[in-house]
Amino acid sequence: VVGRVVELNQAELEILERDIEALKKVVAPFYMITHAEAVKKLQEMGSDIKEDQDLGGDDETTLSKEYDKPVFIEKYPAKIKAFYMKRDSENEDLALCADLLAPEGYGEIVGGSEREDDYEKLVTRFEEFKLDRKDFEWYLDLRRYGSVPHSGFGIGLERLVSWICGIKHVRETIPFPRLINRLSP
């Protein structure tokens, strides 16, 4: 996506005063670090984040300033992620998930994970996460008679646009942002 935007929209990026050279560096392979490595790096930079905490927006911004192209953060502690995320077969304490952080301080633009497809493991997770099973019967019904290995992800489109265009506040990329004095278009 970034390469095509640079190729086809240089004039528009120049109007926005976007540093095109920074975008030209965005080629695979991207950096990849574990959540534990990210926490250690943040602690070395003065953060008081703990190993069992999820990264907050400020943490993601701080980390992403350290890279000249996107960085994947993988293998988060399972207890801080959603119940439906599959566990690492080599270490059940870790979830098979990743967040993609855009460089230059833009933070998370994509989050995804493998999904648990084992019915019995999902039932156990409801107990582990102290969730009321009745609220999730519809979800269990999807797995009750078998499932296939699958994954899912979400992309923050406005965040992606913000990063590519060099716009510092994501609100400026949202067609109808919610503001203190306006909640609807």
C-alpha atoms as a PDB file:
ATOM      1  CA  VAL A   1       0.000   0.000   0.000  1.00  0.00           C
ATOM      2  CA  VAL A   2       2.686   2.474   1.017  1.00  0.00           C
ATOM      3  CA  GLY A   3       4.750   1.798  -2.091  1.00  0.00           C
ATOM      4  CA  ARG A   4       1.737   2.362  -4.358  1.00  0.00           C
ATOM      5  CA  VAL A   5       0.854   5.613  -2.605  1.00  0.00           C
ATOM      6  CA  VAL A   6       4.430   6.862  -3.021  1.00  0.00           C
ATOM      7  CA  GLU A   7       4.398   5.766  -6.669  1.00  0.00           C
ATOM      8  CA  LEU A   8       1.010   7.218  -7.597  1.00  0.00           C
ATOM      9  CA  ASN A   9       0.487  10.114  -5.190  1.00  0.00           C
ATOM     10  CA  GLN A  10       3.778  11.961  -4.815  1.00  0.00           C
ATOM     11  CA  ALA A  11       2.193  15.293  -5.708  1.00  0.00           C
ATOM     12  CA  GLU A  12      -0.439  14.914  -2.991  1.00  0.00           C
ATOM     13  CA  LEU A  13       2.162  13.829  -0.430  1.00  0.00           C
ATOM     14  CA  GLU A  14       4.252  16.890  -1.296  1.00  0.00           C
ATOM     15  CA  ILE A  15       1.219  19.159  -0.765  1.00  0.00           C
ATOM     16  CA  LEU A  16       0.877  17.580   2.682  1.00  0.00           C
ATOM     17  CA  GLU A  17       4.621  18.171   3.186  1.00  0.00           C
ATOM     18  CA  ARG A  18       5.140  14.464   3.843  1.00  0.00           C
ATOM     19  CA  ASP A  19       8.731  13.215   3.912  1.00  0.00           C
ATOM     20  CA  ILE A  20       8.561  10.791   1.001  1.00  0.00           C
ATOM     21  CA  GLU A  21      12.029   9.407   1.740  1.00  0.00           C
ATOM     22  CA  ALA A  22      10.751   8.041   5.064  1.00  0.00           C
ATOM     23  CA  LEU A  23       7.979   6.185   3.219  1.00  0.00           C
ATOM     24  CA  LYS A  24      10.405   4.766   0.655  1.00  0.00           C
ATOM     25  CA  LYS A  25      12.136   2.899   3.517  1.00  0.00           C
ATOM     26  CA  VAL A  26       8.948   0.922   4.148  1.00  0.00           C
ATOM     27  CA  VAL A  27       9.885  -2.361   2.500  1.00  0.00           C
ATOM     28  CA  ALA A  28       9.757  -5.901   3.831  1.00  0.00           C
ATOM     29  CA  PRO A  29      10.956  -7.447   5.959  1.00  0.00           C
ATOM     30  CA  PHE A  30       9.557  -5.437   8.841  1.00  0.00           C
ATOM     31  CA  TYR A  31      11.051  -5.562  12.306  1.00  0.00           C
ATOM     32  CA  MET A  32       9.637  -8.146  14.705  1.00  0.00           C
ATOM     33  CA  ILE A  33       9.997  -8.163  18.487  1.00  0.00           C
ATOM     34  CA  THR A  34       8.172  -9.940  21.278  1.00  0.00           C
ATOM     35  CA  HIS A  35       6.046  -8.202  23.884  1.00  0.00           C
ATOM     36  CA  ALA A  36       8.718  -9.070  26.474  1.00  0.00           C
ATOM     37  CA  GLU A  37      11.389  -7.390  24.339  1.00  0.00           C
ATOM     38  CA  ALA A  38       9.161  -4.342  23.876  1.00  0.00           C
ATOM     39  CA  VAL A  39       8.601  -4.062  27.631  1.00  0.00           C
ATOM     40  CA  LYS A  40      12.336  -4.369  28.306  1.00  0.00           C
ATOM     41  CA  LYS A  41      13.092  -1.682  25.730  1.00  0.00           C
ATOM     42  CA  LEU A  42      10.459   0.634  27.234  1.00  0.00           C
ATOM     43  CA  GLN A  43      11.809   0.050  30.750  1.00  0.00           C
ATOM     44  CA  GLU A  44      15.311   0.930  29.521  1.00  0.00           C
ATOM     45  CA  MET A  45      13.814   4.177  28.195  1.00  0.00           C
ATOM     46  CA  GLY A  46      12.374   5.005  31.623  1.00  0.00           C
ATOM     47  CA  SER A  47       8.865   3.529  31.440  1.00  0.00           C
ATOM     48  CA  ASP A  48       7.374   1.852  34.502  1.00  0.00           C
ATOM     49  CA  ILE A  49       5.463  -0.719  32.398  1.00  0.00           C
ATOM     50  CA  LYS A  50       5.419  -4.258  33.790  1.00  0.00           C
ATOM     51  CA  GLU A  51       5.793  -7.537  31.886  1.00  0.00           C
ATOM     52  CA  ASP A  52       2.163  -8.464  32.521  1.00  0.00           C
ATOM     53  CA  GLN A  53       0.749  -5.187  31.173  1.00  0.00           C
ATOM     54  CA  ASP A  54      -0.565  -4.439  27.717  1.00  0.00           C
ATOM     55  CA  LEU A  55       1.085  -1.644  25.790  1.00  0.00           C
ATOM     56  CA  GLY A  56      -0.769   1.641  25.991  1.00  0.00           C
ATOM     57  CA  GLY A  57      -0.935   4.310  23.319  1.00  0.00           C
ATOM     58  CA  ASP A  58       1.980   6.237  24.811  1.00  0.00           C
ATOM     59  CA  ASP A  59       4.064   3.053  24.921  1.00  0.00           C
ATOM     60  CA  GLU A  60       3.305   2.306  21.270  1.00  0.00           C
ATOM     61  CA  THR A  61       4.171   5.871  20.280  1.00  0.00           C
ATOM     62  CA  THR A  62       7.455   5.738  22.176  1.00  0.00           C
ATOM     63  CA  LEU A  63       8.410   2.378  20.663  1.00  0.00           C
ATOM     64  CA  SER A  64       7.435   3.281  17.125  1.00  0.00           C
ATOM     65  CA  LYS A  65       9.681   6.367  17.216  1.00  0.00           C
ATOM     66  CA  GLU A  66      12.617   3.966  17.517  1.00  0.00           C
ATOM     67  CA  TYR A  67      12.037   2.375  14.105  1.00  0.00           C
ATOM     68  CA  ASP A  68      12.360   3.576  10.517  1.00  0.00           C
ATOM     69  CA  LYS A  69       9.776   1.108   9.229  1.00  0.00           C
ATOM     70  CA  PRO A  70       6.882  -0.839  10.747  1.00  0.00           C
ATOM     71  CA  VAL A  71       7.500  -3.201  13.652  1.00  0.00           C
ATOM     72  CA  PHE A  72       5.455  -6.236  14.661  1.00  0.00           C
ATOM     73  CA  ILE A  73       5.075  -6.900  18.370  1.00  0.00           C
ATOM     74  CA  GLU A  74       4.146 -10.528  18.933  1.00  0.00           C
ATOM     75  CA  LYS A  75       3.558 -13.088  21.665  1.00  0.00           C
ATOM     76  CA  TYR A  76       1.770 -11.025  24.272  1.00  0.00           C
ATOM     77  CA  PRO A  77       0.952 -12.581  27.646  1.00  0.00           C
ATOM     78  CA  ALA A  78      -2.288 -14.512  27.087  1.00  0.00           C
ATOM     79  CA  LYS A  79      -3.879 -13.189  30.276  1.00  0.00           C
ATOM     80  CA  ILE A  80      -3.919  -9.617  28.913  1.00  0.00           C
ATOM     81  CA  LYS A  81      -5.404 -10.526  25.543  1.00  0.00           C
ATOM     82  CA  ALA A  82      -8.862 -11.645  24.436  1.00  0.00           C
ATOM     83  CA  PHE A  83     -10.174 -15.084  25.430  1.00  0.00           C
ATOM     84  CA  TYR A  84     -10.526 -16.188  21.807  1.00  0.00           C
ATOM     85  CA  MET A  85      -6.832 -15.863  20.959  1.00  0.00           C
ATOM     86  CA  LYS A  86      -5.031 -19.148  20.415  1.00  0.00           C
ATOM     87  CA  ARG A  87      -2.166 -19.960  22.781  1.00  0.00           C
ATOM     88  CA  ASP A  88       1.392 -20.685  21.726  1.00  0.00           C
ATOM     89  CA  SER A  89       1.885 -24.469  21.744  1.00  0.00           C
ATOM     90  CA  GLU A  90       5.429 -23.997  23.079  1.00  0.00           C
ATOM     91  CA  ASN A  91       4.351 -21.641  25.877  1.00  0.00           C
ATOM     92  CA  GLU A  92       0.668 -21.618  26.886  1.00  0.00           C
ATOM     93  CA  ASP A  93       1.205 -18.328  28.745  1.00  0.00           C
ATOM     94  CA  LEU A  94       1.595 -16.522  25.407  1.00  0.00           C
ATOM     95  CA  ALA A  95      -1.053 -15.636  22.831  1.00  0.00           C
ATOM     96  CA  LEU A  96      -0.447 -16.093  19.111  1.00  0.00           C
ATOM     97  CA  CYS A  97      -1.105 -12.484  18.255  1.00  0.00           C
ATOM     98  CA  ALA A  98       0.674  -9.446  16.898  1.00  0.00           C
ATOM     99  CA  ASP A  99       0.239  -5.709  16.613  1.00  0.00           C
ATOM    100  CA  LEU A 100       1.818  -3.735  13.789  1.00  0.00           C
ATOM    101  CA  LEU A 101       3.166  -0.338  14.792  1.00  0.00           C
ATOM    102  CA  ALA A 102       3.820   2.335  12.197  1.00  0.00           C
ATOM    103  CA  PRO A 103       7.169   4.106  12.560  1.00  0.00           C
ATOM    104  CA  GLU A 104       7.820   7.759  13.426  1.00  0.00           C
ATOM    105  CA  GLY A 105       5.641   7.639  16.533  1.00  0.00           C
ATOM    106  CA  TYR A 106       2.342   6.794  14.824  1.00  0.00           C
ATOM    107  CA  GLY A 107       1.715   3.662  16.894  1.00  0.00           C
ATOM    108  CA  GLU A 108      -0.570   0.709  16.240  1.00  0.00           C
ATOM    109  CA  ILE A 109      -2.215   0.425  12.834  1.00  0.00           C
ATOM    110  CA  VAL A 110      -3.067  -3.301  12.736  1.00  0.00           C
ATOM    111  CA  GLY A 111      -3.853  -5.922  15.378  1.00  0.00           C
ATOM    112  CA  GLY A 112      -4.473  -9.589  14.730  1.00  0.00           C
ATOM    113  CA  SER A 113      -4.321 -13.102  16.108  1.00  0.00           C
ATOM    114  CA  GLU A 114      -4.913 -16.758  15.493  1.00  0.00           C
ATOM    115  CA  ARG A 115      -8.312 -17.708  16.889  1.00  0.00           C
ATOM    116  CA  GLU A 116      -8.921 -20.635  19.205  1.00  0.00           C
ATOM    117  CA  ASP A 117     -10.836 -23.330  17.315  1.00  0.00           C
ATOM    118  CA  ASP A 118     -10.991 -25.974  20.069  1.00  0.00           C
ATOM    119  CA  TYR A 119     -14.406 -25.979  21.759  1.00  0.00           C
ATOM    120  CA  GLU A 120     -13.189 -27.385  25.087  1.00  0.00           C
ATOM    121  CA  LYS A 121     -10.370 -24.855  25.328  1.00  0.00           C
ATOM    122  CA  LEU A 122     -12.859 -22.037  24.757  1.00  0.00           C
ATOM    123  CA  VAL A 123     -15.096 -23.338  27.547  1.00  0.00           C
ATOM    124  CA  THR A 124     -12.070 -23.374  29.856  1.00  0.00           C
ATOM    125  CA  ARG A 125     -11.226 -19.789  28.849  1.00  0.00           C
ATOM    126  CA  PHE A 126     -14.623 -18.530  29.999  1.00  0.00           C
ATOM    127  CA  GLU A 127     -13.794 -19.806  33.464  1.00  0.00           C
ATOM    128  CA  GLU A 128     -10.241 -18.479  33.295  1.00  0.00           C
ATOM    129  CA  PHE A 129     -11.390 -15.002  32.216  1.00  0.00           C
ATOM    130  CA  LYS A 130     -14.412 -15.089  34.564  1.00  0.00           C
ATOM    131  CA  LEU A 131     -16.855 -14.593  31.687  1.00  0.00           C
ATOM    132  CA  ASP A 132     -20.507 -15.623  31.873  1.00  0.00           C
ATOM    133  CA  ARG A 133     -20.831 -18.514  29.446  1.00  0.00           C
ATOM    134  CA  LYS A 134     -24.501 -17.642  28.778  1.00  0.00           C
ATOM    135  CA  ASP A 135     -23.376 -14.423  27.103  1.00  0.00           C
ATOM    136  CA  PHE A 136     -21.235 -16.394  24.677  1.00  0.00           C
ATOM    137  CA  GLU A 137     -23.377 -19.416  23.772  1.00  0.00           C
ATOM    138  CA  TRP A 138     -23.722 -18.041  20.255  1.00  0.00           C
ATOM    139  CA  TYR A 139     -19.922 -18.008  19.986  1.00  0.00           C
ATOM    140  CA  LEU A 140     -19.593 -21.535  21.331  1.00  0.00           C
ATOM    141  CA  ASP A 141     -22.258 -22.700  18.865  1.00  0.00           C
ATOM    142  CA  LEU A 142     -19.921 -21.637  16.064  1.00  0.00           C
ATOM    143  CA  ARG A 143     -17.357 -24.148  17.357  1.00  0.00           C
ATOM    144  CA  ARG A 144     -19.593 -26.840  18.870  1.00  0.00           C
ATOM    145  CA  TYR A 145     -19.521 -29.165  15.846  1.00  0.00           C
ATOM    146  CA  GLY A 146     -15.990 -28.450  14.738  1.00  0.00           C
ATOM    147  CA  SER A 147     -14.044 -25.595  13.328  1.00  0.00           C
ATOM    148  CA  VAL A 148     -11.077 -24.895  11.134  1.00  0.00           C
ATOM    149  CA  PRO A 149      -7.872 -23.084  11.993  1.00  0.00           C
ATOM    150  CA  HIS A 150      -8.416 -19.402  11.309  1.00  0.00           C
ATOM    151  CA  SER A 151      -7.181 -15.932  12.141  1.00  0.00           C
ATOM    152  CA  GLY A 152      -8.474 -12.405  12.162  1.00  0.00           C
ATOM    153  CA  PHE A 153      -7.196  -8.862  12.189  1.00  0.00           C
ATOM    154  CA  GLY A 154      -8.375  -5.305  12.390  1.00  0.00           C
ATOM    155  CA  ILE A 155      -6.839  -2.326  10.654  1.00  0.00           C
ATOM    156  CA  GLY A 156      -7.166   1.240  11.826  1.00  0.00           C
ATOM    157  CA  LEU A 157      -7.813   2.853   8.461  1.00  0.00           C
ATOM    158  CA  GLU A 158      -7.660   6.409   9.774  1.00  0.00           C
ATOM    159  CA  ARG A 159      -4.425   5.593  11.612  1.00  0.00           C
ATOM    160  CA  LEU A 160      -2.937   4.168   8.412  1.00  0.00           C
ATOM    161  CA  VAL A 161      -3.950   7.286   6.469  1.00  0.00           C
ATOM    162  CA  SER A 162      -2.576   9.496   9.243  1.00  0.00           C
ATOM    163  CA  TRP A 163       0.814   7.790   9.084  1.00  0.00           C
ATOM    164  CA  ILE A 164       1.098   7.651   5.286  1.00  0.00           C
ATOM    165  CA  CYS A 165       0.061  11.291   4.919  1.00  0.00           C
ATOM    166  CA  GLY A 166       2.192  12.489   7.839  1.00  0.00           C
ATOM    167  CA  ILE A 167      -0.797  13.922   9.679  1.00  0.00           C
ATOM    168  CA  LYS A 168       0.004  14.149  13.376  1.00  0.00           C
ATOM    169  CA  HIS A 169      -3.515  13.830  14.792  1.00  0.00           C
ATOM    170  CA  VAL A 170      -5.725  10.975  13.612  1.00  0.00           C
ATOM    171  CA  ARG A 171      -8.804  13.159  14.098  1.00  0.00           C
ATOM    172  CA  GLU A 172      -7.779  15.076  10.967  1.00  0.00           C
ATOM    173  CA  THR A 173      -8.188  11.922   8.863  1.00  0.00           C
ATOM    174  CA  ILE A 174     -11.695  11.081  10.079  1.00  0.00           C
ATOM    175  CA  PRO A 175     -14.486  12.355   7.798  1.00  0.00           C
ATOM    176  CA  PHE A 176     -16.826  13.171  10.709  1.00  0.00           C
ATOM    177  CA  PRO A 177     -14.808  13.229  13.938  1.00  0.00           C
ATOM    178  CA  ARG A 178     -16.511  13.416  17.302  1.00  0.00           C
ATOM    179  CA  LEU A 179     -15.510  16.635  18.979  1.00  0.00           C
ATOM    180  CA  ILE A 180     -16.351  18.181  22.319  1.00  0.00           C
ATOM    181  CA  ASN A 181     -19.070  20.271  20.665  1.00  0.00           C
ATOM    182  CA  ARG A 182     -20.198  17.764  18.009  1.00  0.00           C
ATOM    183  CA  LEU A 183     -21.118  14.110  18.419  1.00  0.00           C
ATOM    184  CA  SER A 184     -22.792  13.507  15.052  1.00  0.00           C
ATOM    185  CA  PRO A 185     -22.237  14.716  11.491  1.00  0.00           C
END
